[in-house]
Protein backbone atom coordinates (compact mmCIF):
# COMPACT_ATOMS: atom_id res chain seq x y z
CA MET A 1 -18.00 -11.89 -14.94
CA ASN A 2 -20.66 -9.29 -15.77
CA ARG A 3 -19.82 -8.75 -19.48
CA ARG A 4 -22.40 -8.47 -22.47
CA LEU A 5 -19.31 -8.41 -24.93
CA LEU A 6 -15.54 -9.07 -25.07
CA HIS A 7 -13.56 -6.09 -26.52
CA CYS A 8 -10.98 -8.68 -28.81
CA LEU A 9 -8.54 -5.73 -29.67
CA THR A 10 -5.64 -6.22 -31.72
CA GLY A 11 -2.61 -4.09 -31.82
CA ALA A 12 1.30 -4.20 -31.21
CA VAL A 13 2.23 -5.62 -27.87
CA LEU A 14 3.64 -2.91 -25.75
CA ALA A 15 7.27 -3.07 -24.99
CA ALA A 16 7.95 -4.17 -21.13
CA VAL A 17 9.18 -1.61 -19.01
CA SER A 18 12.75 -2.35 -17.73
CA VAL A 19 14.70 -0.27 -15.31
CA VAL A 20 18.42 -1.04 -14.81
CA VAL A 21 19.37 -1.21 -11.39
CA PRO A 22 23.16 -0.54 -10.78
CA ALA A 23 24.95 -3.63 -8.88
CA GLY A 24 24.62 -3.49 -5.34
CA ALA A 25 22.06 -0.39 -5.28
CA GLY A 26 19.15 -0.41 -3.01
CA PRO A 27 16.01 1.80 -3.48
CA ALA A 28 17.98 4.79 -3.49
CA GLY A 29 19.96 3.53 -6.42
CA ALA A 30 16.64 2.40 -8.27
CA GLY A 31 15.19 5.80 -7.52
CA ALA A 32 13.00 7.57 -4.47
CA PRO A 33 10.70 5.33 -2.69
CA GLY A 34 7.39 5.26 -4.65
CA SER A 35 8.90 6.73 -8.04
CA ALA A 36 8.12 4.87 -11.01
CA ALA A 37 11.78 3.64 -11.18
CA GLU A 38 11.50 1.79 -8.05
CA ARG A 39 8.02 0.67 -8.63
CA VAL A 40 8.52 -0.97 -12.16
CA ARG A 41 11.70 -2.57 -11.02
CA LEU A 42 11.37 -6.32 -11.53
CA LEU A 43 11.26 -8.01 -8.09
CA ALA A 44 11.30 -11.72 -7.37
CA ALA A 45 7.93 -13.04 -6.66
CA PRO A 46 7.45 -16.75 -5.91
CA ASP A 47 6.08 -19.18 -8.56
CA ILE A 48 2.32 -19.89 -7.62
CA PRO A 49 1.87 -23.51 -7.42
CA LEU A 50 -0.82 -24.43 -10.10
CA ALA A 51 -1.72 -27.42 -7.90
CA ASN A 52 -2.55 -25.33 -5.06
CA VAL A 53 -4.73 -22.95 -7.35
CA LYS A 54 -6.37 -26.25 -8.67
CA ALA A 55 -7.00 -27.40 -5.18
CA HIS A 56 -9.06 -24.20 -4.42
CA LEU A 57 -10.99 -24.90 -7.83
CA ALA A 58 -11.86 -28.18 -6.91
CA GLN A 59 -13.25 -26.74 -3.09
CA PHE A 60 -15.31 -24.32 -5.09
CA GLN A 61 -16.78 -26.91 -7.38
CA SER A 62 -17.65 -29.39 -4.17
CA ILE A 63 -19.17 -26.22 -2.46
CA ALA A 64 -21.34 -25.80 -5.35
CA THR A 65 -22.19 -29.24 -6.03
CA ALA A 66 -23.40 -29.54 -2.46
CA ASN A 67 -25.46 -26.31 -2.63
CA GLY A 68 -27.61 -26.65 -5.56
CA GLY A 69 -25.27 -26.46 -8.11
CA ASN A 70 -24.25 -22.97 -7.64
CA ARG A 71 -22.35 -20.03 -5.54
CA ALA A 72 -24.69 -17.32 -6.38
CA HIS A 73 -25.69 -14.30 -4.72
CA GLY A 74 -27.96 -14.90 -1.86
CA ARG A 75 -27.46 -18.85 -2.15
CA PRO A 76 -25.92 -21.02 0.36
CA GLY A 77 -23.12 -22.11 -2.04
CA TYR A 78 -21.83 -18.44 -1.98
CA LEU A 79 -21.67 -17.92 1.95
CA ALA A 80 -19.85 -21.19 1.98
CA SER A 81 -17.29 -19.74 -0.47
CA VAL A 82 -16.82 -16.95 1.48
CA ASN A 83 -16.09 -19.16 4.88
CA HIS A 84 -13.71 -21.31 2.86
CA VAL A 85 -11.73 -18.34 1.73
CA ARG A 86 -11.66 -16.77 5.13
CA ALA A 87 -10.51 -19.85 6.87
CA GLN A 88 -7.71 -20.04 5.11
CA LEU A 89 -6.43 -16.57 5.52
CA ASP A 90 -7.23 -16.46 9.06
CA ALA A 91 -4.95 -19.52 9.63
CA VAL A 92 -2.08 -17.57 8.24
CA GLY A 93 -2.58 -13.98 9.86
CA TYR A 94 -4.63 -11.94 7.85
CA ARG A 95 -7.21 -9.56 9.35
CA THR A 96 -10.33 -10.48 8.07
CA THR A 97 -13.81 -8.57 7.78
CA VAL A 98 -16.77 -9.78 6.13
CA GLN A 99 -19.16 -6.86 4.85
CA SER A 100 -22.61 -7.44 4.27
CA PHE A 101 -25.04 -5.45 2.14
CA SER A 102 -28.55 -6.33 0.96
CA TYR A 103 -29.75 -6.46 -2.77
CA ASN A 104 -32.72 -8.06 -4.37
CA GLY A 105 -34.00 -9.13 -0.99
CA ALA A 106 -30.85 -11.28 -0.36
CA THR A 107 -27.95 -10.52 1.82
CA GLY A 108 -24.60 -10.50 0.13
CA TYR A 109 -21.16 -10.38 1.48
CA ASN A 110 -17.76 -8.92 0.60
CA LEU A 111 -14.63 -10.29 2.21
CA ILE A 112 -11.78 -8.30 3.16
CA ALA A 113 -8.15 -9.41 4.18
CA ASP A 114 -5.74 -7.10 5.22
CA TRP A 115 -1.71 -8.34 5.56
CA PRO A 116 -0.34 -6.98 8.56
CA GLY A 117 2.47 -4.24 8.08
CA GLY A 118 3.30 -1.99 5.28
CA ASP A 119 2.16 2.02 4.82
CA PRO A 120 -1.43 2.35 5.76
CA GLU A 121 -1.31 5.58 3.79
CA ASP A 122 -0.67 3.64 0.47
CA VAL A 123 -2.55 0.39 0.09
CA LEU A 124 -2.33 -1.76 -2.92
CA MET A 125 -5.40 -3.93 -3.20
CA THR A 126 -6.04 -6.85 -5.19
CA GLY A 127 -9.67 -8.06 -5.79
CA ALA A 128 -11.82 -10.78 -7.66
CA HIS A 129 -15.49 -11.63 -7.54
CA LEU A 130 -16.51 -14.89 -5.44
CA ASP A 131 -19.93 -15.26 -6.77
CA SER A 132 -21.37 -17.38 -9.68
CA VAL A 133 -24.46 -17.11 -11.74
CA ALA A 134 -27.30 -19.13 -10.73
CA ALA A 135 -26.95 -21.37 -13.62
CA GLY A 136 -23.61 -23.04 -12.77
CA PRO A 137 -20.63 -23.34 -10.19
CA GLY A 138 -18.69 -20.66 -11.86
CA ILE A 139 -15.37 -21.99 -12.10
CA ASN A 140 -13.73 -20.03 -14.66
CA ASP A 141 -16.14 -16.93 -13.64
CA ASN A 142 -14.95 -16.59 -11.46
CA ALA A 143 -13.73 -19.00 -8.98
CA SER A 144 -10.54 -19.00 -11.36
CA GLY A 145 -9.72 -15.26 -10.23
CA SER A 146 -10.77 -15.97 -6.85
CA ALA A 147 -8.37 -19.03 -6.48
CA ALA A 148 -5.54 -17.24 -8.14
CA ILE A 149 -5.51 -14.00 -5.76
CA LEU A 150 -6.12 -16.78 -2.49
CA GLU A 151 -3.10 -18.45 -3.37
CA VAL A 152 -1.03 -15.18 -4.05
CA ALA A 153 -2.23 -13.95 -0.76
CA LEU A 154 -1.21 -17.25 1.02
CA ALA A 155 2.20 -16.95 -0.71
CA VAL A 156 2.41 -13.50 0.84
CA ALA A 157 2.26 -15.07 4.23
CA ARG A 158 4.26 -18.18 3.41
CA THR A 159 7.38 -15.89 2.37
CA GLY A 160 6.73 -13.08 5.12
CA LEU A 161 6.55 -10.34 2.41
CA ALA A 162 7.69 -7.43 3.94
CA ALA A 163 6.18 -4.69 1.37
CA ARG A 164 6.35 -0.95 1.76
CA LYS A 165 2.71 -0.65 0.63
CA HIS A 166 -0.20 -2.03 2.73
CA LEU A 167 -1.47 -5.26 1.11
CA ARG A 168 -5.33 -5.90 1.03
CA PHE A 169 -7.23 -8.50 -0.85
CA ALA A 170 -10.87 -8.61 -1.43
CA TRP A 171 -13.60 -11.18 -2.82
CA TRP A 172 -16.56 -9.45 -4.13
CA GLY A 173 -20.08 -10.54 -3.62
CA ALA A 174 -23.20 -10.13 -6.53
CA GLU A 175 -20.95 -9.05 -9.39
CA GLU A 176 -23.16 -10.80 -11.55
CA LEU A 177 -25.85 -8.97 -10.52
CA GLY A 178 -23.87 -5.58 -11.68
CA LEU A 179 -20.92 -5.20 -9.34
CA ARG A 180 -23.11 -4.82 -6.45
CA GLY A 181 -20.35 -5.95 -3.62
CA SER A 182 -17.69 -3.75 -4.90
CA GLN A 183 -19.85 -0.71 -5.70
CA TYR A 184 -21.07 -1.10 -1.91
CA TYR A 185 -17.47 -1.20 -0.72
CA VAL A 186 -16.46 1.96 -2.51
CA ASP A 187 -19.65 3.56 -1.82
CA ASN A 188 -19.18 3.19 1.61
CA LEU A 189 -15.56 4.11 1.90
CA PRO A 190 -14.84 7.62 3.49
CA SER A 191 -13.21 9.69 1.23
CA ALA A 192 -9.78 9.39 3.41
CA GLU A 193 -9.78 5.68 3.06
CA ARG A 194 -10.50 6.07 -0.60
CA ALA A 195 -7.34 8.23 -1.11
CA ARG A 196 -5.23 5.51 0.76
CA ILE A 197 -5.71 2.98 -2.00
CA GLY A 198 -3.08 3.63 -4.67
CA GLU A 199 -3.86 0.76 -6.75
CA TYR A 200 -6.55 -1.65 -7.49
CA LEU A 201 -5.85 -4.76 -9.14
CA ASN A 202 -8.83 -6.92 -10.79
CA PHE A 203 -8.81 -10.75 -11.72
CA ASP A 204 -12.06 -11.70 -13.33
CA MET A 205 -11.61 -14.99 -15.44
CA VAL A 206 -8.17 -15.92 -15.76
CA GLY A 207 -8.18 -19.77 -17.05
CA SER A 208 -10.66 -19.63 -20.05
CA PRO A 209 -10.63 -22.73 -21.91
CA ASN A 210 -9.67 -21.45 -25.20
CA ALA A 211 -7.85 -18.61 -23.66
CA GLY A 212 -6.66 -15.18 -24.84
CA TYR A 213 -4.07 -13.07 -22.72
CA PHE A 214 -5.57 -9.49 -22.52
CA VAL A 215 -4.56 -6.69 -20.12
CA TYR A 216 -6.47 -3.56 -19.14
CA ASP A 217 -5.54 -0.91 -21.41
CA GLY A 218 -4.52 1.59 -18.69
CA ASP A 219 -2.81 4.11 -20.88
CA ASN A 220 -5.70 3.79 -23.76
CA SER A 221 -2.75 3.08 -26.47
CA ASP A 222 -5.47 1.12 -28.35
CA GLY A 223 -7.49 4.09 -28.66
CA VAL A 224 -10.55 2.19 -28.56
CA GLY A 225 -13.87 2.48 -26.40
CA SER A 226 -13.76 4.03 -22.70
CA GLY A 227 -10.36 5.91 -22.69
CA PRO A 228 -7.63 5.42 -20.02
CA GLY A 229 -7.81 4.49 -16.51
CA PRO A 230 -6.89 7.29 -13.70
CA ALA A 231 -3.40 8.11 -13.58
CA GLY A 232 -1.24 5.18 -12.35
CA SER A 233 -3.10 2.77 -14.45
CA ALA A 234 -0.38 2.61 -17.30
CA LEU A 235 2.02 1.70 -14.79
CA ILE A 236 -0.24 -1.47 -13.99
CA GLU A 237 -0.56 -2.18 -17.41
CA GLN A 238 3.00 -2.12 -18.15
CA THR A 239 3.88 -4.12 -15.09
CA ILE A 240 1.64 -7.04 -16.08
CA GLN A 241 2.90 -6.87 -19.80
CA GLY A 242 6.48 -6.71 -18.61
CA TYR A 243 5.76 -10.08 -16.78
CA PHE A 244 4.22 -11.83 -19.79
CA THR A 245 7.15 -10.74 -22.21
CA SER A 246 9.38 -11.96 -19.81
CA ILE A 247 7.99 -15.64 -20.55
CA GLY A 248 7.50 -14.94 -24.14
CA VAL A 249 3.78 -14.69 -24.20
CA PRO A 250 2.48 -11.62 -26.13
CA THR A 251 -0.43 -9.60 -24.95
CA ARG A 252 -3.40 -7.31 -26.05
CA GLY A 253 -5.42 -4.62 -24.67
CA THR A 254 -8.86 -4.93 -23.38
CA ASP A 255 -10.99 -1.80 -22.71
CA PHE A 256 -11.50 -0.28 -19.44
CA ASP A 257 -15.61 -0.85 -19.93
CA GLY A 258 -16.54 -0.88 -16.46
CA ARG A 259 -18.12 -4.16 -16.55
CA SER A 260 -16.22 -5.93 -13.79
CA ASP A 261 -15.01 -4.95 -10.19
CA TYR A 262 -12.43 -2.34 -11.16
CA GLY A 263 -15.35 -0.22 -12.22
CA PRO A 264 -16.41 1.53 -8.94
CA PHE A 265 -12.78 2.16 -8.25
CA ILE A 266 -12.05 4.10 -11.39
CA ARG A 267 -14.99 5.98 -11.25
CA VAL A 268 -13.59 7.66 -7.83
CA GLY A 269 -9.99 8.08 -9.59
CA ILE A 270 -8.39 4.88 -8.22
CA PRO A 271 -5.82 3.51 -10.85
CA ALA A 272 -6.65 0.13 -11.90
CA GLY A 273 -5.37 -2.90 -13.69
CA GLY A 274 -5.63 -6.74 -14.35
CA THR A 275 -5.79 -9.63 -16.62
CA PHE A 276 -8.60 -11.45 -18.63
CA THR A 277 -8.52 -14.51 -20.77
CA GLY A 278 -11.91 -14.01 -22.31
CA ALA A 279 -15.53 -14.96 -22.25
CA GLU A 280 -18.31 -15.13 -24.73
CA GLY A 281 -16.41 -12.99 -27.39
CA ILE A 282 -14.96 -15.38 -30.39
CA LYS A 283 -11.41 -16.01 -30.81
CA SER A 284 -9.94 -14.60 -34.38
CA SER A 285 -7.71 -16.22 -36.77
CA SER A 286 -4.84 -13.94 -35.87
CA GLN A 287 -5.62 -14.31 -32.10
CA ALA A 288 -5.59 -17.88 -32.66
CA THR A 289 -2.15 -17.40 -34.38
CA LEU A 290 -0.97 -15.27 -31.60
CA TRP A 291 -2.13 -17.88 -28.83
CA GLY A 292 -2.72 -20.92 -30.21
CA GLY A 293 -6.34 -22.38 -29.53
CA THR A 294 -9.41 -22.71 -31.84
CA ALA A 295 -10.54 -19.62 -34.22
CA GLY A 296 -14.10 -19.07 -34.50
CA ALA A 297 -14.96 -20.45 -30.90
CA ALA A 298 -15.28 -18.61 -27.86
CA PHE A 299 -12.66 -17.71 -25.28
CA ASP A 300 -15.00 -19.49 -22.83
CA PRO A 301 -17.70 -21.86 -24.75
CA CYS A 302 -19.39 -22.49 -20.86
CA TYR A 303 -19.77 -18.76 -20.07
CA HIS A 304 -22.51 -18.19 -17.54
CA ARG A 305 -23.47 -22.06 -18.13
CA ALA A 306 -23.98 -25.11 -16.04
CA CYS A 307 -20.64 -26.64 -17.83
CA ASP A 308 -18.53 -23.72 -16.17
CA THR A 309 -16.74 -26.69 -14.19
CA THR A 310 -13.41 -28.00 -13.11
CA SER A 311 -13.40 -29.13 -16.72
CA ASN A 312 -13.68 -25.71 -18.08
CA ILE A 313 -9.90 -24.33 -17.27
CA ASN A 314 -7.26 -23.95 -19.07
CA ASP A 315 -4.12 -24.89 -16.62
CA THR A 316 -1.58 -23.14 -18.80
CA ALA A 317 -3.48 -19.98 -18.86
CA LEU A 318 -4.47 -20.33 -15.38
CA ASP A 319 -0.47 -21.09 -14.14
CA ARG A 320 0.49 -17.92 -16.20
CA ASN A 321 -1.90 -15.79 -14.76
CA ALA A 322 -1.46 -16.62 -11.16
CA ASP A 323 2.26 -15.93 -11.52
CA ALA A 324 1.51 -12.74 -13.24
CA ILE A 325 -0.66 -11.70 -10.59
CA ALA A 326 2.00 -12.53 -7.82
CA HIS A 327 4.63 -10.77 -10.21
CA THR A 328 2.36 -7.57 -10.28
CA VAL A 329 1.65 -7.69 -6.41
CA TRP A 330 5.60 -8.13 -5.37
CA THR A 331 6.63 -5.34 -7.89
CA LEU A 332 3.97 -2.65 -7.14
CA ALA A 333 4.10 -3.57 -3.51
CA GLY A 334 7.67 -2.08 -3.16
CA THR A 335 10.40 -3.19 -1.17
CA PRO A 336 11.01 -1.81 2.21
CA ALA A 337 14.77 -0.57 3.00
CA PRO A 338 17.10 -3.29 3.19
CA PRO A 339 18.87 -4.45 6.51
CA GLY A 340 21.48 -2.04 7.51
CA SER A 341 20.16 0.96 5.31
CA THR A 342 18.63 4.26 6.39
CA VAL A 343 14.78 4.37 6.51
CA TYR A 344 14.38 7.92 7.13
CA ALA A 345 16.90 10.84 7.59
CA ASP A 346 16.48 14.63 8.01
CA THR A 347 19.58 17.15 8.55
CA PHE A 348 17.09 19.98 8.21
CA GLU A 349 19.22 21.83 5.35
CA THR A 350 15.93 21.91 3.38
CA ALA A 351 12.27 22.01 4.68
CA THR A 352 10.88 18.29 4.71
CA GLY A 353 7.37 18.96 6.06
CA TRP A 354 7.64 19.34 9.89
CA THR A 355 4.78 21.15 11.22
CA VAL A 356 4.78 23.37 14.11
CA ASN A 357 1.95 23.13 16.54
CA PRO A 358 0.36 20.00 14.72
CA ALA A 359 -2.55 19.70 17.27
CA GLY A 360 -3.40 23.24 17.70
CA THR A 361 -2.91 22.90 21.39
CA ASP A 362 0.23 24.96 21.88
CA THR A 363 0.48 27.63 24.61
CA ALA A 364 3.93 29.03 24.22
CA THR A 365 4.03 32.65 23.04
CA ALA A 366 7.68 32.92 22.21
CA GLY A 367 10.53 30.43 21.27
CA GLN A 368 8.37 28.20 18.89
CA TRP A 369 10.14 25.54 16.87
CA VAL A 370 11.39 26.67 13.57
CA ARG A 371 13.87 24.99 10.98
CA ALA A 372 16.61 27.75 10.85
CA ASP A 373 20.10 28.81 11.05
CA PRO A 374 20.34 29.53 14.72
CA ALA A 375 22.06 32.74 16.19
CA ALA A 376 24.23 31.86 19.49
CA THR A 377 23.05 33.05 22.95
CA SER A 378 24.53 33.02 26.15
CA SER A 379 23.62 34.01 29.61
CA GLY A 380 26.83 33.00 31.82
CA VAL A 381 26.44 29.60 29.93
CA ALA A 382 25.81 28.83 26.27
CA THR A 383 21.80 28.85 25.95
CA GLN A 384 21.65 28.63 22.21
CA LEU A 385 24.15 27.20 19.82
CA GLY A 386 25.12 28.86 16.73
CA THR A 387 26.67 25.71 15.35
CA THR A 388 24.69 22.65 14.07
CA VAL A 389 25.57 19.23 14.12
CA SER A 390 26.05 19.19 10.53
CA GLY A 391 25.41 21.81 7.90
CA SER A 392 23.95 25.21 8.81
CA PHE A 393 20.30 24.42 9.67
CA ASP A 394 18.69 22.65 12.65
CA LEU A 395 15.29 22.62 14.64
CA VAL A 396 15.50 25.30 17.22
CA THR A 397 13.23 27.12 19.72
CA GLY A 398 13.55 30.74 18.47
CA ALA A 399 16.51 31.05 16.13
CA LEU A 400 16.98 34.80 16.65
CA ALA A 401 19.44 36.10 19.20
CA GLY A 402 17.79 39.21 20.09
CA SER A 403 19.20 42.05 22.48
CA ALA A 404 19.28 39.64 25.50
CA ALA A 405 19.42 36.15 25.81
CA GLY A 406 15.93 35.83 26.97
CA ASP A 407 14.31 37.44 24.30
CA HIS A 408 13.43 34.38 22.04
CA ASP A 409 13.36 31.59 24.39
CA VAL A 410 10.38 29.34 25.19
CA ASP A 411 7.93 31.39 26.95
CA GLY A 412 4.44 30.43 28.16
CA GLY A 413 4.34 26.74 28.15
CA VAL A 414 4.52 24.03 25.10
CA THR A 415 5.86 24.61 21.60
CA SER A 416 5.53 21.18 19.51
CA VAL A 417 6.63 20.26 16.18
CA GLN A 418 5.72 17.19 14.24
CA SER A 419 7.51 15.02 11.40
CA PRO A 420 5.92 14.10 7.93
CA PRO A 421 4.65 10.64 8.10
CA ILE A 422 7.33 7.97 8.04
CA SER A 423 6.82 4.53 6.72
CA LEU A 424 8.43 1.96 8.68
CA PRO A 425 9.50 -1.50 7.32
CA THR A 426 8.83 -4.98 9.07
CA GLY A 427 11.77 -7.17 9.84
CA GLY A 428 15.10 -6.38 11.45
CA THR A 429 15.77 -3.85 14.19
CA LEU A 430 14.73 -0.16 13.49
CA THR A 431 16.47 2.40 15.59
CA LEU A 432 15.80 6.05 15.89
CA GLY A 433 18.96 8.38 16.83
CA PHE A 434 19.41 12.06 16.75
CA SER A 435 21.34 14.89 18.20
CA TRP A 436 19.70 17.27 20.73
CA TYR A 437 20.24 19.72 23.70
CA LEU A 438 18.17 21.33 26.31
CA ALA A 439 19.61 24.67 27.90
CA HIS A 440 18.35 26.56 30.87
CA LEU A 441 19.34 28.87 33.76
CA ASN A 442 19.02 28.17 37.26
CA ASN A 443 15.29 29.74 37.23
CA ALA A 444 13.99 26.37 35.43
CA SER A 445 12.31 23.63 37.39
CA SER A 446 11.35 20.13 36.65
CA VAL A 447 8.25 20.77 34.52
CA ASP A 448 10.38 22.39 32.14
CA HIS A 449 11.36 20.04 29.72
CA LEU A 450 12.39 18.46 26.07
CA ARG A 451 10.63 15.40 25.02
CA VAL A 452 10.53 13.39 21.82
CA ARG A 453 8.10 10.69 20.92
CA ILE A 454 6.91 8.36 18.25
CA VAL A 455 3.45 8.36 17.63
CA GLY A 456 1.85 5.59 15.48
CA SER A 457 -0.85 3.10 16.46
CA SER A 458 0.29 3.74 20.08
CA THR A 459 2.63 6.33 21.46
CA GLY A 460 6.28 5.84 22.74
CA THR A 461 8.45 8.32 24.28
CA VAL A 462 12.17 8.06 23.18
CA LEU A 463 13.71 11.09 25.42
CA ASP A 464 12.07 12.78 28.33
CA VAL A 465 14.71 15.58 29.65
CA ALA A 466 13.55 17.54 32.68
CA GLY A 467 14.74 21.04 33.74
CA THR A 468 16.36 21.62 37.25
CA ALA A 469 17.18 24.78 39.18
CA ALA A 470 20.43 25.18 37.67
CA ASN A 471 22.28 26.52 34.94
CA ARG A 472 22.37 24.10 32.06
CA ALA A 473 24.76 24.88 29.07
CA ALA A 474 23.60 23.89 25.44
CA ALA A 475 25.76 21.01 24.31
CA TRP A 476 24.95 18.70 21.53
CA GLN A 477 24.27 15.08 22.89
CA THR A 478 23.12 12.06 20.78
CA ALA A 479 20.38 9.76 21.60
CA SER A 480 19.07 6.60 20.19
CA ALA A 481 16.09 4.19 20.84
CA ASN A 482 14.99 0.76 19.69
CA ILE A 483 11.46 1.61 17.88
CA SER A 484 11.20 -1.85 16.50
CA ALA A 485 7.61 -1.96 18.27
CA PHE A 486 6.29 0.15 15.32
CA ALA A 487 7.38 -1.82 12.77
CA GLY A 488 5.15 -2.02 9.66
CA GLN A 489 3.38 1.34 10.65
CA SER A 490 3.20 4.77 9.44
CA VAL A 491 4.57 6.81 12.37
CA ARG A 492 5.46 10.58 13.22
CA ILE A 493 8.18 12.05 15.37
CA VAL A 494 6.73 14.37 17.64
CA VAL A 495 9.22 16.92 19.60
CA GLU A 496 8.04 19.17 22.69
CA ALA A 497 9.85 21.77 24.61
CA ALA A 498 8.19 23.45 27.50
CA ASP A 499 8.84 26.52 29.89
CA ALA A 500 5.97 25.29 31.96
CA GLY A 501 6.48 26.62 35.30
CA SER A 502 7.40 30.25 36.46
CA ALA A 503 8.86 32.59 33.61
CA SER A 504 12.30 30.79 32.96
CA LEU A 505 14.99 30.44 30.36
CA VAL A 506 14.68 27.34 28.28
CA GLU A 507 16.22 26.71 24.64
CA ALA A 508 16.07 23.48 22.97
CA ALA A 509 17.26 22.16 19.61
CA LEU A 510 17.42 19.06 17.71
CA ASP A 511 19.29 17.91 14.50
CA ASP A 512 20.44 14.84 12.45
CA VAL A 513 17.40 12.78 12.80
CA ARG A 514 17.73 9.15 11.45
CA ILE A 515 15.92 6.08 11.48
CA THR A 516 18.19 2.83 10.63
CA ARG A 517 17.12 -0.73 10.05
CA SER A 518 19.71 -3.67 10.88
């Protein structure tokens, strides 16, 4: 940890946030997806085995011992540490990337690991620095944080966690030289990628031998130092505090002083938080009364020294913090829709963000898609229905009647409309269902059509109805399709209608779109 001092703050322990969830209620009962009510709801995270975390520490110690006594930037022990972590993550299904950078004439490395699934537009990122100082193996600072988040990442894989958010873990290089690795990562993220990171959790020194229990002061309730973190940091703080309160351990705030790897994130407005058990700062008498340990002694007497070995760890603090990390990840990641539930639904009674001509390539000069209360039209057969499947509104190609049936039908080519992003959960069977009709007169042809597609990392067509040279009356029908191939992706529904041949009378509509999980 690159800290010049520890802000040993005293103050009242903030009450844990608790949300009462009605019996049997899913996310709808707890609050809208992504709302504070649902996100703070306490979820059942697994217990993180202390023995597993300590096994990682032993491996980091062995790496340091075999490589000149340290795991510092530019030294072979650091790259060996990266390779150790990466091998374990690759083995359980993470997508790992090693990002290289240069500092002080040496190559440094960040290891980034993404767990498949979750909403790619809403990323929960958890990080810790992996490097030590040159003076020692850096087991508390910061193999402790690195090992704890590694074991949490492995628990994600063991449990098959299907989170609503996309989960990303990171191990930073050259933190001890001024946050060089995390700063490089943030500086080189495109602005759109930065915007996708909803929260960043940082764990730097979580097993100090004379431990304190500090939580980054996201809301600046202590009123000390640098002020609050970006909006959303308070929720992270409350979530972590809630865990420690549940096990009867009081916490105190520590300032967002920017001296660990959360610094580059909060500087670009990304909410952050985490825990810290203390560095070279001195434990006060009141803190010793609060947490035990030795008053008048450093939280970590081996801070940045050769004696920061596996003997320099408080097992109780390490165990509690590893479990707190798991709790925070599980809680903030959010739960996907439970089996048998509705993932997405739109009856079009209110505007929900569908976009006409989303790609800017439509050619239709009339009859463009619109959410509306449609008028009935006919020309020997019904060409547009004035009644919807439910309520009063649907998606329809030109809602008005006009003086003739062909006044507001689709003319001139293609008209398309696209749904807002829809986050699909993993697990179970995902089914897209909707009601539809395509109507035309006998001047239509096979190039006229109604199509419905799912667009994610790939595209799937779920409905493709072509016109024919015959009268086809408007009549509501239902369609359903298994879209489980898109599980874990953020997708959009794209609907297209076309009068693509010679001028013909074509109308189409869509209503009651629903995605369910079973």
